[in-house]
Amino acid sequence: MIIRFSETTNLTSESGGLLPSMALKAFVKRRASVNIVAMPFFTSTDSWNFMENNFKTRVDGFTEDSTEYATIRKKLVEGARSPYVNGFGHWGDRYDTAVLVDGDVSIPYELQFKPYHTFPSEKEYNEDGTQNMWYDQIRDTIKSGDMLLDVMAWTAPASLGGEFVKIADIKLLSDLYTSVWGD
């Protein structure tokens, strides 16, 4: 599996914080990969700590009186009936060999990926005055063999008595690497 961390918005000198996101790409023999996308929120935070909040497959929506509701949500619903939810049921019906799982498959209501690591919430600067970027902090701190994320699941909506349970760990099998913007 490959994991990708990315900043969702275009950062400028005026930005007050990050809007983190992550994607997991699992490879399946002789088939297209299966992917999960998750983020803590749909709006920017006031924190520079990329791993301050859980990454979720189900995020709170925009308020109806917001600019984002009138613009971003309007565009999102052109492609999906539920723009605040990323499905992941396609991860549970097959083995990595593409063979269908026998019997019933139980899929959680929501997944959350809880970071093991934390970073400063305020901007940090290097000795030369440049900003210590979130991706450099992550790459330079978390190494091969380190635990990266707890995988948590809601068994059903909390309002219906769902439980929040740990179902897995994600551990790095290689060091993290940064890439060129937009590649």
N, C-alpha and C. Protein backbone atom coordinates (compact mmCIF):
# COMPACT_ATOMS: atom_id res chain seq x y z
N MET A 1 0.85 -1.16 0.00
CA MET A 1 0.00 0.00 0.00
C MET A 1 0.90 1.23 0.00
N ILE A 2 0.41 2.26 -0.64
CA ILE A 2 1.08 3.56 -0.65
C ILE A 2 0.20 4.55 0.08
N ILE A 3 0.83 5.40 0.88
CA ILE A 3 0.09 6.47 1.56
C ILE A 3 0.61 7.80 1.03
N ARG A 4 -0.32 8.74 0.82
CA ARG A 4 0.06 10.08 0.37
C ARG A 4 -0.57 11.10 1.31
N PHE A 5 0.26 11.96 1.86
CA PHE A 5 -0.21 13.09 2.65
C PHE A 5 -0.14 14.32 1.78
N SER A 6 -1.16 15.18 1.84
CA SER A 6 -1.10 16.40 1.03
C SER A 6 -1.90 17.51 1.69
N GLU A 7 -1.51 18.72 1.37
CA GLU A 7 -2.24 19.91 1.78
C GLU A 7 -3.31 20.16 0.74
N THR A 8 -4.55 20.34 1.16
CA THR A 8 -5.67 20.44 0.24
C THR A 8 -5.77 21.80 -0.43
N THR A 9 -5.35 22.83 0.26
CA THR A 9 -5.46 24.18 -0.29
C THR A 9 -4.11 24.68 -0.79
N ASN A 10 -4.12 25.75 -1.54
CA ASN A 10 -2.88 26.40 -1.96
C ASN A 10 -2.43 27.33 -0.84
N LEU A 11 -1.29 27.03 -0.23
CA LEU A 11 -0.79 27.86 0.86
C LEU A 11 -0.12 29.11 0.31
N THR A 12 -0.35 30.21 1.01
CA THR A 12 0.30 31.48 0.68
C THR A 12 0.85 32.07 1.97
N SER A 13 1.54 33.18 1.87
CA SER A 13 2.05 33.83 3.07
C SER A 13 0.91 34.31 3.97
N GLU A 14 -0.29 34.41 3.43
CA GLU A 14 -1.46 34.85 4.20
C GLU A 14 -2.18 33.69 4.89
N SER A 15 -1.84 32.46 4.56
CA SER A 15 -2.52 31.29 5.13
C SER A 15 -2.34 31.24 6.64
N GLY A 16 -3.43 30.90 7.33
CA GLY A 16 -3.38 30.83 8.79
C GLY A 16 -3.23 29.44 9.34
N GLY A 17 -3.23 28.43 8.47
CA GLY A 17 -3.09 27.05 8.91
C GLY A 17 -3.27 26.09 7.75
N LEU A 18 -3.27 24.81 8.08
CA LEU A 18 -3.32 23.75 7.08
C LEU A 18 -4.71 23.15 6.93
N LEU A 19 -4.95 22.54 5.80
CA LEU A 19 -6.12 21.69 5.56
C LEU A 19 -5.58 20.35 5.05
N PRO A 20 -5.19 19.46 5.99
CA PRO A 20 -4.54 18.20 5.62
C PRO A 20 -5.48 17.21 4.95
N SER A 21 -4.89 16.34 4.15
CA SER A 21 -5.63 15.19 3.61
C SER A 21 -4.66 14.04 3.42
N MET A 22 -5.22 12.86 3.27
CA MET A 22 -4.39 11.67 3.03
C MET A 22 -5.13 10.73 2.09
N ALA A 23 -4.37 9.91 1.41
CA ALA A 23 -4.95 8.89 0.55
C ALA A 23 -4.18 7.59 0.75
N LEU A 24 -4.90 6.49 0.77
CA LEU A 24 -4.30 5.17 0.82
C LEU A 24 -4.60 4.47 -0.49
N LYS A 25 -3.58 3.91 -1.10
CA LYS A 25 -3.75 3.18 -2.37
C LYS A 25 -3.28 1.75 -2.12
N ALA A 26 -4.23 0.82 -2.23
CA ALA A 26 -3.91 -0.60 -2.05
C ALA A 26 -3.92 -1.27 -3.41
N PHE A 27 -2.91 -2.06 -3.66
CA PHE A 27 -2.78 -2.72 -4.95
C PHE A 27 -3.49 -4.07 -4.93
N VAL A 28 -4.15 -4.39 -6.03
CA VAL A 28 -4.87 -5.65 -6.17
C VAL A 28 -4.36 -6.32 -7.44
N LYS A 29 -4.03 -7.58 -7.32
CA LYS A 29 -3.49 -8.32 -8.46
C LYS A 29 -4.47 -8.32 -9.64
N ARG A 30 -4.00 -7.93 -10.82
CA ARG A 30 -4.76 -7.95 -12.07
C ARG A 30 -6.02 -7.08 -12.05
N ARG A 31 -6.06 -6.08 -11.19
CA ARG A 31 -7.20 -5.16 -11.11
C ARG A 31 -6.69 -3.76 -10.79
N ALA A 32 -7.57 -2.80 -10.97
CA ALA A 32 -7.22 -1.43 -10.57
C ALA A 32 -7.06 -1.37 -9.06
N SER A 33 -6.22 -0.48 -8.60
CA SER A 33 -6.02 -0.32 -7.16
C SER A 33 -7.32 0.16 -6.51
N VAL A 34 -7.41 -0.03 -5.20
CA VAL A 34 -8.53 0.50 -4.43
C VAL A 34 -7.98 1.59 -3.52
N ASN A 35 -8.76 2.66 -3.36
CA ASN A 35 -8.25 3.85 -2.68
C ASN A 35 -9.22 4.33 -1.61
N ILE A 36 -8.66 4.92 -0.58
CA ILE A 36 -9.42 5.61 0.46
C ILE A 36 -8.83 7.00 0.58
N VAL A 37 -9.71 7.99 0.65
CA VAL A 37 -9.30 9.38 0.85
C VAL A 37 -9.91 9.84 2.17
N ALA A 38 -9.14 10.59 2.96
CA ALA A 38 -9.65 11.06 4.25
C ALA A 38 -9.04 12.41 4.59
N MET A 39 -9.79 13.18 5.37
CA MET A 39 -9.32 14.49 5.83
C MET A 39 -10.04 14.82 7.14
N PRO A 40 -9.46 15.70 7.96
CA PRO A 40 -10.12 16.04 9.22
C PRO A 40 -11.36 16.92 9.04
N PHE A 41 -11.27 17.89 8.13
CA PHE A 41 -12.32 18.89 7.94
C PHE A 41 -12.38 19.26 6.46
N PHE A 42 -13.39 20.02 6.11
CA PHE A 42 -13.50 20.56 4.75
C PHE A 42 -13.04 22.01 4.69
N THR A 43 -12.71 22.59 5.84
CA THR A 43 -12.24 23.98 5.87
C THR A 43 -10.89 24.05 6.57
N SER A 44 -10.11 25.05 6.22
CA SER A 44 -8.76 25.20 6.78
C SER A 44 -8.81 25.38 8.29
N THR A 45 -7.75 24.96 8.92
CA THR A 45 -7.61 25.11 10.37
C THR A 45 -6.72 26.33 10.66
N ASP A 46 -6.55 26.62 11.92
CA ASP A 46 -5.62 27.68 12.31
C ASP A 46 -4.34 27.07 12.88
N SER A 47 -4.08 25.81 12.54
CA SER A 47 -2.92 25.09 13.06
C SER A 47 -1.97 24.69 11.92
N TRP A 48 -0.69 24.65 12.25
CA TRP A 48 0.33 24.18 11.31
C TRP A 48 0.76 22.75 11.63
N ASN A 49 0.07 22.10 12.56
CA ASN A 49 0.33 20.71 12.91
C ASN A 49 -0.48 19.83 11.97
N PHE A 50 0.19 19.24 10.98
CA PHE A 50 -0.49 18.43 9.97
C PHE A 50 -1.23 17.25 10.59
N MET A 51 -0.72 16.73 11.70
CA MET A 51 -1.30 15.54 12.31
C MET A 51 -2.01 15.83 13.62
N GLU A 52 -2.60 17.00 13.72
CA GLU A 52 -3.29 17.38 14.95
C GLU A 52 -4.64 16.68 15.11
N ASN A 53 -5.31 16.38 14.02
CA ASN A 53 -6.65 15.81 14.06
C ASN A 53 -6.72 14.50 13.29
N ASN A 54 -7.70 13.68 13.64
CA ASN A 54 -7.92 12.43 12.92
C ASN A 54 -8.33 12.72 11.48
N PHE A 55 -7.86 11.89 10.57
CA PHE A 55 -8.29 11.93 9.17
C PHE A 55 -9.54 11.05 9.08
N LYS A 56 -10.62 11.57 8.50
CA LYS A 56 -11.91 10.87 8.52
C LYS A 56 -12.44 10.66 7.10
N THR A 57 -13.18 9.59 6.94
CA THR A 57 -13.84 9.33 5.65
C THR A 57 -15.20 10.03 5.58
N ARG A 58 -15.62 10.64 6.68
CA ARG A 58 -16.91 11.33 6.77
C ARG A 58 -16.65 12.63 7.53
N VAL A 59 -16.76 13.76 6.84
CA VAL A 59 -16.46 15.06 7.47
C VAL A 59 -17.72 15.91 7.58
N ASP A 60 -17.70 16.86 8.51
CA ASP A 60 -18.82 17.79 8.65
C ASP A 60 -18.94 18.63 7.40
N GLY A 61 -20.17 18.91 7.00
CA GLY A 61 -20.42 19.71 5.81
C GLY A 61 -20.31 21.20 6.07
N PHE A 62 -20.39 21.96 5.01
CA PHE A 62 -20.39 23.42 5.10
C PHE A 62 -21.74 23.89 5.63
N THR A 63 -21.74 25.00 6.34
CA THR A 63 -23.02 25.58 6.77
C THR A 63 -23.70 26.20 5.56
N GLU A 64 -25.03 26.16 5.53
CA GLU A 64 -25.78 26.60 4.36
C GLU A 64 -25.61 28.07 4.03
N ASP A 65 -25.24 28.88 5.00
CA ASP A 65 -25.07 30.31 4.74
C ASP A 65 -23.63 30.69 4.39
N SER A 66 -22.77 29.69 4.17
CA SER A 66 -21.35 29.98 3.89
C SER A 66 -21.09 30.09 2.39
N THR A 67 -20.02 30.78 2.06
CA THR A 67 -19.57 30.88 0.67
C THR A 67 -19.21 29.51 0.13
N GLU A 68 -18.59 28.67 0.96
CA GLU A 68 -18.19 27.33 0.54
C GLU A 68 -19.41 26.48 0.14
N TYR A 69 -20.51 26.66 0.86
CA TYR A 69 -21.72 25.90 0.54
C TYR A 69 -22.23 26.29 -0.85
N ALA A 70 -22.19 27.57 -1.14
CA ALA A 70 -22.70 28.07 -2.42
C ALA A 70 -21.76 27.77 -3.59
N THR A 71 -20.49 27.51 -3.31
CA THR A 71 -19.53 27.31 -4.40
C THR A 71 -18.98 25.88 -4.43
N ILE A 72 -18.21 25.52 -3.42
CA ILE A 72 -17.54 24.21 -3.42
C ILE A 72 -18.55 23.07 -3.36
N ARG A 73 -19.51 23.14 -2.42
CA ARG A 73 -20.49 22.08 -2.30
C ARG A 73 -21.31 21.95 -3.58
N LYS A 74 -21.66 23.08 -4.17
CA LYS A 74 -22.43 23.06 -5.40
C LYS A 74 -21.69 22.26 -6.48
N LYS A 75 -20.38 22.44 -6.56
CA LYS A 75 -19.58 21.70 -7.54
C LYS A 75 -19.46 20.22 -7.15
N LEU A 76 -19.26 19.95 -5.87
CA LEU A 76 -19.10 18.57 -5.41
C LEU A 76 -20.33 17.71 -5.68
N VAL A 77 -21.52 18.27 -5.51
CA VAL A 77 -22.73 17.46 -5.70
C VAL A 77 -22.99 17.13 -7.17
N GLU A 78 -22.27 17.77 -8.08
CA GLU A 78 -22.37 17.38 -9.48
C GLU A 78 -21.83 15.97 -9.70
N GLY A 79 -20.88 15.56 -8.84
CA GLY A 79 -20.27 14.25 -9.02
C GLY A 79 -20.64 13.21 -7.97
N ALA A 80 -21.27 13.65 -6.88
CA ALA A 80 -21.60 12.71 -5.81
C ALA A 80 -22.81 13.19 -5.03
N ARG A 81 -23.70 12.26 -4.71
CA ARG A 81 -24.89 12.62 -3.91
C ARG A 81 -24.50 13.00 -2.48
N SER A 82 -23.45 12.39 -1.96
CA SER A 82 -23.00 12.62 -0.58
C SER A 82 -21.59 13.20 -0.62
N PRO A 83 -21.46 14.51 -0.80
CA PRO A 83 -20.13 15.09 -1.01
C PRO A 83 -19.24 15.11 0.22
N TYR A 84 -19.77 14.81 1.40
CA TYR A 84 -18.97 14.86 2.62
C TYR A 84 -18.53 13.47 3.08
N VAL A 85 -18.76 12.46 2.25
CA VAL A 85 -18.46 11.09 2.61
C VAL A 85 -17.63 10.44 1.49
N ASN A 86 -16.56 9.77 1.87
CA ASN A 86 -15.78 8.99 0.91
C ASN A 86 -16.00 7.51 1.22
N GLY A 87 -16.51 6.79 0.24
CA GLY A 87 -16.79 5.37 0.41
C GLY A 87 -15.52 4.54 0.47
N PHE A 88 -15.59 3.41 1.13
CA PHE A 88 -14.45 2.51 1.22
C PHE A 88 -14.88 1.05 1.25
N GLY A 89 -16.15 0.77 0.97
CA GLY A 89 -16.65 -0.60 0.97
C GLY A 89 -15.94 -1.49 -0.02
N HIS A 90 -15.41 -0.90 -1.08
CA HIS A 90 -14.70 -1.68 -2.10
C HIS A 90 -13.41 -2.28 -1.56
N TRP A 91 -12.98 -1.87 -0.36
CA TRP A 91 -11.78 -2.46 0.27
C TRP A 91 -12.10 -3.80 0.91
N GLY A 92 -13.34 -4.06 1.21
CA GLY A 92 -13.65 -5.24 2.00
C GLY A 92 -14.16 -6.44 1.26
N ASP A 93 -14.43 -6.32 -0.03
CA ASP A 93 -15.08 -7.44 -0.71
C ASP A 93 -14.13 -8.38 -1.42
N ARG A 94 -12.84 -8.05 -1.50
CA ARG A 94 -11.87 -8.89 -2.20
C ARG A 94 -10.55 -8.96 -1.44
N TYR A 95 -9.88 -10.07 -1.65
CA TYR A 95 -8.50 -10.19 -1.15
C TYR A 95 -7.58 -9.44 -2.11
N ASP A 96 -6.32 -9.25 -1.74
CA ASP A 96 -5.39 -8.56 -2.64
C ASP A 96 -5.08 -9.36 -3.90
N THR A 97 -5.56 -10.59 -3.94
CA THR A 97 -5.40 -11.42 -5.14
C THR A 97 -6.59 -11.25 -6.09
N ALA A 98 -7.54 -10.38 -5.74
CA ALA A 98 -8.76 -10.09 -6.50
C ALA A 98 -9.84 -11.15 -6.32
N VAL A 99 -9.60 -12.16 -5.52
CA VAL A 99 -10.59 -13.20 -5.24
C VAL A 99 -11.62 -12.62 -4.27
N LEU A 100 -12.91 -12.84 -4.58
CA LEU A 100 -13.97 -12.35 -3.71
C LEU A 100 -13.92 -13.04 -2.35
N VAL A 101 -14.20 -12.28 -1.30
CA VAL A 101 -14.28 -12.82 0.06
C VAL A 101 -15.55 -13.66 0.16
N ASP A 102 -15.44 -14.85 0.74
CA ASP A 102 -16.60 -15.71 0.94
C ASP A 102 -17.44 -15.18 2.10
N GLY A 103 -18.74 -15.25 1.99
CA GLY A 103 -19.61 -14.87 3.10
C GLY A 103 -19.89 -13.39 3.16
N ASP A 104 -20.54 -13.00 4.24
CA ASP A 104 -20.92 -11.61 4.42
C ASP A 104 -19.69 -10.75 4.74
N VAL A 105 -19.69 -9.56 4.21
CA VAL A 105 -18.62 -8.60 4.48
C VAL A 105 -19.21 -7.48 5.32
N SER A 106 -18.58 -7.19 6.42
CA SER A 106 -19.04 -6.14 7.32
C SER A 106 -18.18 -4.90 7.13
N ILE A 107 -18.80 -3.80 6.74
CA ILE A 107 -18.09 -2.55 6.48
C ILE A 107 -18.47 -1.54 7.56
N PRO A 108 -17.50 -0.89 8.19
CA PRO A 108 -17.83 0.13 9.20
C PRO A 108 -18.59 1.30 8.60
N TYR A 109 -19.26 2.04 9.45
CA TYR A 109 -19.98 3.25 9.05
C TYR A 109 -18.99 4.34 8.64
N GLU A 110 -17.89 4.45 9.37
CA GLU A 110 -16.88 5.47 9.10
C GLU A 110 -15.53 4.97 9.56
N LEU A 111 -14.47 5.38 8.85
CA LEU A 111 -13.10 5.12 9.28
C LEU A 111 -12.47 6.44 9.70
N GLN A 112 -11.62 6.36 10.72
CA GLN A 112 -10.79 7.49 11.12
C GLN A 112 -9.38 6.98 11.30
N PHE A 113 -8.43 7.79 10.89
CA PHE A 113 -7.02 7.45 10.98
C PHE A 113 -6.40 8.40 11.99
N LYS A 114 -6.04 7.86 13.14
CA LYS A 114 -5.54 8.66 14.27
C LYS A 114 -4.02 8.68 14.24
N PRO A 115 -3.41 9.86 14.05
CA PRO A 115 -1.95 9.94 13.99
C PRO A 115 -1.27 9.57 15.31
N TYR A 116 -0.14 8.89 15.22
CA TYR A 116 0.69 8.57 16.37
C TYR A 116 1.57 9.76 16.75
N HIS A 117 1.84 10.64 15.81
CA HIS A 117 2.80 11.71 16.01
C HIS A 117 2.10 13.06 16.03
N THR A 118 2.74 14.03 16.64
CA THR A 118 2.21 15.38 16.65
C THR A 118 3.35 16.36 16.38
N PHE A 119 3.00 17.51 15.89
CA PHE A 119 3.98 18.52 15.52
C PHE A 119 3.53 19.87 16.05
N PRO A 120 4.39 20.87 16.03
CA PRO A 120 4.00 22.19 16.55
C PRO A 120 2.79 22.77 15.81
N SER A 121 1.92 23.44 16.57
CA SER A 121 0.73 24.07 15.99
C SER A 121 1.03 25.43 15.37
N GLU A 122 2.12 26.05 15.80
CA GLU A 122 2.52 27.35 15.27
C GLU A 122 3.54 27.16 14.16
N LYS A 123 3.66 28.14 13.29
CA LYS A 123 4.69 28.09 12.25
C LYS A 123 6.05 28.02 12.92
N GLU A 124 6.93 27.20 12.38
CA GLU A 124 8.30 27.13 12.86
C GLU A 124 9.22 27.57 11.73
N TYR A 125 10.31 28.19 12.10
CA TYR A 125 11.25 28.71 11.11
C TYR A 125 12.62 28.10 11.30
N ASN A 126 13.30 27.89 10.19
CA ASN A 126 14.67 27.38 10.20
C ASN A 126 15.62 28.52 10.53
N GLU A 127 16.88 28.20 10.77
CA GLU A 127 17.89 29.22 11.11
C GLU A 127 18.04 30.27 10.02
N ASP A 128 17.79 29.91 8.77
CA ASP A 128 17.92 30.87 7.67
C ASP A 128 16.67 31.72 7.47
N GLY A 129 15.65 31.54 8.34
CA GLY A 129 14.44 32.35 8.27
C GLY A 129 13.33 31.76 7.42
N THR A 130 13.59 30.64 6.74
CA THR A 130 12.55 30.00 5.94
C THR A 130 11.64 29.16 6.85
N GLN A 131 10.40 28.99 6.42
CA GLN A 131 9.46 28.21 7.22
C GLN A 131 9.82 26.73 7.17
N ASN A 132 9.78 26.08 8.32
CA ASN A 132 9.96 24.63 8.40
C ASN A 132 8.62 24.02 7.98
N MET A 133 8.56 23.50 6.78
CA MET A 133 7.29 23.06 6.19
C MET A 133 6.80 21.75 6.82
N TRP A 134 5.48 21.57 6.82
CA TRP A 134 4.86 20.40 7.43
C TRP A 134 5.40 19.10 6.86
N TYR A 135 5.63 19.06 5.56
CA TYR A 135 6.08 17.81 4.93
C TYR A 135 7.51 17.49 5.30
N ASP A 136 8.35 18.50 5.53
CA ASP A 136 9.72 18.25 6.00
C ASP A 136 9.69 17.73 7.44
N GLN A 137 8.83 18.29 8.27
CA GLN A 137 8.71 17.82 9.66
C GLN A 137 8.33 16.35 9.70
N ILE A 138 7.34 15.98 8.90
CA ILE A 138 6.89 14.59 8.88
C ILE A 138 7.98 13.67 8.35
N ARG A 139 8.55 14.03 7.21
CA ARG A 139 9.60 13.20 6.58
C ARG A 139 10.81 13.04 7.49
N ASP A 140 11.20 14.10 8.19
CA ASP A 140 12.41 14.06 9.01
C ASP A 140 12.19 13.41 10.38
N THR A 141 10.94 13.24 10.79
CA THR A 141 10.63 12.70 12.11
C THR A 141 10.19 11.25 12.08
N ILE A 142 9.33 10.90 11.14
CA ILE A 142 8.74 9.56 11.09
C ILE A 142 9.54 8.70 10.12
N LYS A 143 10.03 7.56 10.59
CA LYS A 143 10.92 6.72 9.80
C LYS A 143 10.37 5.31 9.62
N SER A 144 10.98 4.58 8.71
CA SER A 144 10.63 3.19 8.46
C SER A 144 10.59 2.42 9.77
N GLY A 145 9.54 1.62 9.95
CA GLY A 145 9.38 0.85 11.18
C GLY A 145 8.52 1.55 12.22
N ASP A 146 8.30 2.85 12.07
CA ASP A 146 7.48 3.60 13.03
C ASP A 146 6.00 3.33 12.79
N MET A 147 5.25 3.34 13.88
CA MET A 147 3.79 3.32 13.77
C MET A 147 3.38 4.68 13.25
N LEU A 148 2.46 4.72 12.31
CA LEU A 148 2.04 5.97 11.69
C LEU A 148 0.63 6.37 12.11
N LEU A 149 -0.31 5.43 12.00
CA LEU A 149 -1.72 5.74 12.26
C LEU A 149 -2.41 4.56 12.93
N ASP A 150 -3.32 4.85 13.87
CA ASP A 150 -4.29 3.87 14.34
C ASP A 150 -5.47 3.96 13.38
N VAL A 151 -6.02 2.83 12.99
CA VAL A 151 -7.22 2.84 12.17
C VAL A 151 -8.40 2.55 13.10
N MET A 152 -9.29 3.53 13.18
CA MET A 152 -10.44 3.46 14.07
C MET A 152 -11.70 3.37 13.20
N ALA A 153 -12.73 2.74 13.73
CA ALA A 153 -13.97 2.59 12.97
C ALA A 153 -15.18 2.86 13.85
N TRP A 154 -16.14 3.56 13.27
CA TRP A 154 -17.46 3.68 13.87
C TRP A 154 -18.27 2.52 13.32
N THR A 155 -18.84 1.71 14.21
CA THR A 155 -19.63 0.56 13.78
C THR A 155 -20.99 0.98 13.22
N ALA A 156 -21.47 2.14 13.65
CA ALA A 156 -22.74 2.74 13.21
C ALA A 156 -22.67 4.21 13.65
N PRO A 157 -23.60 5.03 13.22
CA PRO A 157 -23.60 6.41 13.72
C PRO A 157 -23.68 6.42 15.25
N ALA A 158 -22.96 7.36 15.87
CA ALA A 158 -22.98 7.47 17.34
C ALA A 158 -24.40 7.66 17.85
N SER A 159 -25.21 8.41 17.12
CA SER A 159 -26.59 8.67 17.54
C SER A 159 -27.43 7.39 17.57
N LEU A 160 -26.96 6.36 16.89
CA LEU A 160 -27.69 5.08 16.87
C LEU A 160 -26.99 4.02 17.72
N GLY A 161 -26.07 4.46 18.58
CA GLY A 161 -25.39 3.54 19.48
C GLY A 161 -24.13 2.92 18.91
N GLY A 162 -23.60 3.47 17.84
CA GLY A 162 -22.37 2.94 17.27
C GLY A 162 -21.21 3.04 18.23
N GLU A 163 -20.27 2.13 18.07
CA GLU A 163 -19.07 2.12 18.91
C GLU A 163 -17.88 2.57 18.07
N PHE A 164 -16.94 3.23 18.72
CA PHE A 164 -15.70 3.69 18.09
C PHE A 164 -14.61 2.73 18.52
N VAL A 165 -14.14 1.87 17.60
CA VAL A 165 -13.21 0.80 17.96
C VAL A 165 -11.96 0.84 17.07
N LYS A 166 -10.85 0.43 17.65
CA LYS A 166 -9.61 0.31 16.88
C LYS A 166 -9.65 -1.00 16.11
N ILE A 167 -9.35 -0.92 14.79
CA ILE A 167 -9.40 -2.14 13.98
C ILE A 167 -8.04 -2.49 13.36
N ALA A 168 -7.09 -1.55 13.37
CA ALA A 168 -5.80 -1.84 12.74
C ALA A 168 -4.79 -0.75 13.09
N ASP A 169 -3.54 -1.02 12.76
CA ASP A 169 -2.44 -0.06 12.82
C ASP A 169 -1.87 0.08 11.43
N ILE A 170 -1.35 1.24 11.13
CA ILE A 170 -0.57 1.41 9.90
C ILE A 170 0.86 1.71 10.33
N LYS A 171 1.77 0.85 9.88
CA LYS A 171 3.18 0.95 10.22
C LYS A 171 3.97 1.14 8.94
N LEU A 172 4.92 2.05 8.96
CA LEU A 172 5.72 2.31 7.76
C LEU A 172 6.70 1.18 7.48
N LEU A 173 6.76 0.77 6.25
CA LEU A 173 7.73 -0.24 5.82
C LEU A 173 8.89 0.40 5.07
N SER A 174 8.79 1.71 4.83
CA SER A 174 9.90 2.45 4.22
C SER A 174 9.85 3.87 4.76
N ASP A 175 10.92 4.61 4.52
CA ASP A 175 10.91 6.02 4.90
C ASP A 175 9.92 6.78 4.03
N LEU A 176 9.50 7.92 4.51
CA LEU A 176 8.62 8.80 3.73
C LEU A 176 9.47 9.65 2.79
N TYR A 177 8.90 10.02 1.67
CA TYR A 177 9.59 10.84 0.68
C TYR A 177 8.70 12.00 0.28
N THR A 178 9.32 13.13 0.00
CA THR A 178 8.57 14.25 -0.54
C THR A 178 8.64 14.17 -2.07
N SER A 179 7.68 14.79 -2.72
CA SER A 179 7.67 14.77 -4.18
C SER A 179 7.58 16.19 -4.70
N VAL A 180 7.73 16.32 -6.00
CA VAL A 180 7.63 17.61 -6.65
C VAL A 180 6.16 18.02 -6.66
N TRP A 181 5.87 19.29 -6.50
CA TRP A 181 4.49 19.77 -6.45
C TRP A 181 3.71 19.31 -7.68
N GLY A 182 2.50 18.79 -7.42
CA GLY A 182 1.59 18.45 -8.50
C GLY A 182 1.93 17.20 -9.29
N ASP A 183 2.93 16.42 -8.85
CA ASP A 183 3.27 15.21 -9.62
C ASP A 183 2.42 14.03 -9.21
